[in-house]
Amino acid sequence: MSRMRPVWLALALWGAVHPMYWFVTYLSQNGWSFGAMIDAWYVNASTTGLVWDLTIAAITLTVWVLFEAVTRRNWVALLAIPATFCIGVSCGLPLYLWFRSRPV
């Protein structure tokens, strides 16, 4: 077993909880409107750049996960894809590394 495995899991949990706290805080203050939250992501050039940076990273991670899942026949690792798009790259990447580092 990889000694990094617990680190990947801890980072995945942190990457799930921390961003979700801010999403829930925003939504509770703004009437649970996902459309308003998405509009806020494009409020200026800085946030738009960040959105595109994370979108490209999420797509890149998805391509990598798909390629390696097929190559390694590690189908459970595909769970990193919905984690990436529903929570964020901060959860999806360490979650995938946790799945990838499991003993075969």
C-alpha atoms as a PDB file:
ATOM      1  CA  MET A   1       0.000   0.000   0.000  1.00  0.00           C
ATOM      2  CA  SER A   2       1.243   3.442  -0.898  1.00  0.00           C
ATOM      3  CA  ARG A   3       2.149   5.661   2.039  1.00  0.00           C
ATOM      4  CA  MET A   4       0.570   8.545   0.117  1.00  0.00           C
ATOM      5  CA  ARG A   5      -2.835   6.870   0.029  1.00  0.00           C
ATOM      6  CA  PRO A   6      -4.085   8.439   3.309  1.00  0.00           C
ATOM      7  CA  VAL A   7      -2.807  11.831   2.108  1.00  0.00           C
ATOM      8  CA  TRP A   8      -4.823  11.546  -1.132  1.00  0.00           C
ATOM      9  CA  LEU A   9      -7.965  10.632   0.817  1.00  0.00           C
ATOM     10  CA  ALA A  10      -7.489  13.506   3.279  1.00  0.00           C
ATOM     11  CA  LEU A  11      -6.993  15.969   0.403  1.00  0.00           C
ATOM     12  CA  ALA A  12     -10.091  14.614  -1.376  1.00  0.00           C
ATOM     13  CA  LEU A  13     -12.162  15.108   1.774  1.00  0.00           C
ATOM     14  CA  TRP A  14     -10.777  18.605   2.281  1.00  0.00           C
ATOM     15  CA  GLY A  15     -11.376  19.332  -1.412  1.00  0.00           C
ATOM     16  CA  ALA A  16     -15.003  18.250  -0.985  1.00  0.00           C
ATOM     17  CA  VAL A  17     -15.829  19.966   2.308  1.00  0.00           C
ATOM     18  CA  HIS A  18     -14.039  23.306   1.982  1.00  0.00           C
ATOM     19  CA  PRO A  19     -15.410  24.396  -1.427  1.00  0.00           C
ATOM     20  CA  MET A  20     -18.852  23.011  -0.580  1.00  0.00           C
ATOM     21  CA  TYR A  21     -18.932  25.208   2.547  1.00  0.00           C
ATOM     22  CA  TRP A  22     -18.484  28.305   0.383  1.00  0.00           C
ATOM     23  CA  PHE A  23     -20.997  27.133  -2.236  1.00  0.00           C
ATOM     24  CA  VAL A  24     -23.653  26.461   0.416  1.00  0.00           C
ATOM     25  CA  THR A  25     -22.884  29.782   2.131  1.00  0.00           C
ATOM     26  CA  TYR A  26     -23.328  31.667  -1.140  1.00  0.00           C
ATOM     27  CA  LEU A  27     -26.490  29.813  -2.089  1.00  0.00           C
ATOM     28  CA  SER A  28     -28.085  30.255   1.335  1.00  0.00           C
ATOM     29  CA  GLN A  29     -27.422  33.999   1.201  1.00  0.00           C
ATOM     30  CA  ASN A  30     -28.695  34.359  -2.373  1.00  0.00           C
ATOM     31  CA  GLY A  31     -31.857  32.280  -2.472  1.00  0.00           C
ATOM     32  CA  TRP A  32     -30.467  28.931  -3.644  1.00  0.00           C
ATOM     33  CA  SER A  33     -30.249  30.142  -7.226  1.00  0.00           C
ATOM     34  CA  PHE A  34     -27.636  28.165  -9.139  1.00  0.00           C
ATOM     35  CA  GLY A  35     -28.086  30.536 -12.081  1.00  0.00           C
ATOM     36  CA  ALA A  36     -27.078  33.503  -9.919  1.00  0.00           C
ATOM     37  CA  MET A  37     -24.025  31.597  -8.688  1.00  0.00           C
ATOM     38  CA  ILE A  38     -22.955  30.804 -12.239  1.00  0.00           C
ATOM     39  CA  ASP A  39     -23.499  34.451 -13.223  1.00  0.00           C
ATOM     40  CA  ALA A  40     -21.248  35.477 -10.318  1.00  0.00           C
ATOM     41  CA  TRP A  41     -18.456  33.318 -11.743  1.00  0.00           C
ATOM     42  CA  TYR A  42     -18.333  35.635 -14.765  1.00  0.00           C
ATOM     43  CA  VAL A  43     -18.570  38.969 -12.952  1.00  0.00           C
ATOM     44  CA  ASN A  44     -15.102  40.132 -14.071  1.00  0.00           C
ATOM     45  CA  ALA A  45     -12.077  39.023 -16.090  1.00  0.00           C
ATOM     46  CA  SER A  46     -10.345  37.546 -13.038  1.00  0.00           C
ATOM     47  CA  THR A  47     -13.186  35.196 -12.077  1.00  0.00           C
ATOM     48  CA  THR A  48     -13.836  34.321 -15.719  1.00  0.00           C
ATOM     49  CA  GLY A  49     -10.175  33.343 -16.108  1.00  0.00           C
ATOM     50  CA  LEU A  50     -10.379  31.208 -12.974  1.00  0.00           C
ATOM     51  CA  VAL A  51     -13.534  29.478 -14.232  1.00  0.00           C
ATOM     52  CA  TRP A  52     -11.846  28.646 -17.543  1.00  0.00           C
ATOM     53  CA  ASP A  53      -8.678  27.490 -15.768  1.00  0.00           C
ATOM     54  CA  LEU A  54     -10.664  25.078 -13.602  1.00  0.00           C
ATOM     55  CA  THR A  55     -12.837  23.963 -16.518  1.00  0.00           C
ATOM     56  CA  ILE A  56      -9.799  23.059 -18.610  1.00  0.00           C
ATOM     57  CA  ALA A  57      -8.237  21.273 -15.615  1.00  0.00           C
ATOM     58  CA  ALA A  58     -11.479  19.319 -15.061  1.00  0.00           C
ATOM     59  CA  ILE A  59     -11.657  18.279 -18.719  1.00  0.00           C
ATOM     60  CA  THR A  60      -7.986  17.258 -18.672  1.00  0.00           C
ATOM     61  CA  LEU A  61      -8.515  15.196 -15.520  1.00  0.00           C
ATOM     62  CA  THR A  62     -11.576  13.558 -17.089  1.00  0.00           C
ATOM     63  CA  VAL A  63      -9.630  12.532 -20.198  1.00  0.00           C
ATOM     64  CA  TRP A  64      -6.847  11.112 -18.007  1.00  0.00           C
ATOM     65  CA  VAL A  65      -9.289   9.212 -15.776  1.00  0.00           C
ATOM     66  CA  LEU A  66     -11.126   7.760 -18.773  1.00  0.00           C
ATOM     67  CA  PHE A  67      -7.909   6.695 -20.505  1.00  0.00           C
ATOM     68  CA  GLU A  68      -6.434   5.099 -17.392  1.00  0.00           C
ATOM     69  CA  ALA A  69      -9.704   3.462 -16.304  1.00  0.00           C
ATOM     70  CA  VAL A  70      -9.882   1.654 -19.632  1.00  0.00           C
ATOM     71  CA  THR A  71      -6.161   0.825 -19.662  1.00  0.00           C
ATOM     72  CA  ARG A  72      -6.012  -0.399 -16.050  1.00  0.00           C
ATOM     73  CA  ARG A  73      -9.585  -1.722 -15.898  1.00  0.00           C
ATOM     74  CA  ASN A  74     -10.012   0.372 -12.752  1.00  0.00           C
ATOM     75  CA  TRP A  75     -13.706   1.122 -13.193  1.00  0.00           C
ATOM     76  CA  VAL A  76     -14.302   2.409  -9.669  1.00  0.00           C
ATOM     77  CA  ALA A  77     -11.884   5.263 -10.436  1.00  0.00           C
ATOM     78  CA  LEU A  78     -14.554   6.655 -12.768  1.00  0.00           C
ATOM     79  CA  LEU A  79     -16.238   8.019  -9.615  1.00  0.00           C
ATOM     80  CA  ALA A  80     -13.646  10.799  -9.745  1.00  0.00           C
ATOM     81  CA  ILE A  81     -15.420  12.269 -12.792  1.00  0.00           C
ATOM     82  CA  PRO A  82     -18.735  13.164 -11.108  1.00  0.00           C
ATOM     83  CA  ALA A  83     -16.768  14.297  -8.044  1.00  0.00           C
ATOM     84  CA  THR A  84     -14.817  16.653 -10.300  1.00  0.00           C
ATOM     85  CA  PHE A  85     -17.853  18.184 -12.007  1.00  0.00           C
ATOM     86  CA  CYS A  86     -20.211  18.200  -8.997  1.00  0.00           C
ATOM     87  CA  ILE A  87     -17.685  19.389  -6.396  1.00  0.00           C
ATOM     88  CA  GLY A  88     -14.490  20.442  -8.133  1.00  0.00           C
ATOM     89  CA  VAL A  89     -10.997  19.523  -9.232  1.00  0.00           C
ATOM     90  CA  SER A  90      -9.901  19.973  -5.608  1.00  0.00           C
ATOM     91  CA  CYS A  91     -11.889  16.841  -4.778  1.00  0.00           C
ATOM     92  CA  GLY A  92     -11.753  14.901  -8.047  1.00  0.00           C
ATOM     93  CA  LEU A  93      -7.973  14.892  -8.518  1.00  0.00           C
ATOM     94  CA  PRO A  94      -6.955  13.617  -5.071  1.00  0.00           C
ATOM     95  CA  LEU A  95      -9.878  11.168  -5.145  1.00  0.00           C
ATOM     96  CA  TYR A  96      -8.605   9.748  -8.415  1.00  0.00           C
ATOM     97  CA  LEU A  97      -5.066   9.524  -7.028  1.00  0.00           C
ATOM     98  CA  TRP A  98      -6.491   7.652  -4.023  1.00  0.00           C
ATOM     99  CA  PHE A  99      -8.251   5.151  -6.318  1.00  0.00           C
ATOM    100  CA  ARG A 100      -5.160   4.858  -8.517  1.00  0.00           C
ATOM    101  CA  SER A 101      -2.813   4.160  -5.600  1.00  0.00           C
ATOM    102  CA  ARG A 102      -4.759   1.213  -4.245  1.00  0.00           C
ATOM    103  CA  PRO A 103      -3.036  -2.171  -4.262  1.00  0.00           C
ATOM    104  CA  VAL A 104      -3.774  -4.298  -7.316  1.00  0.00           C
END
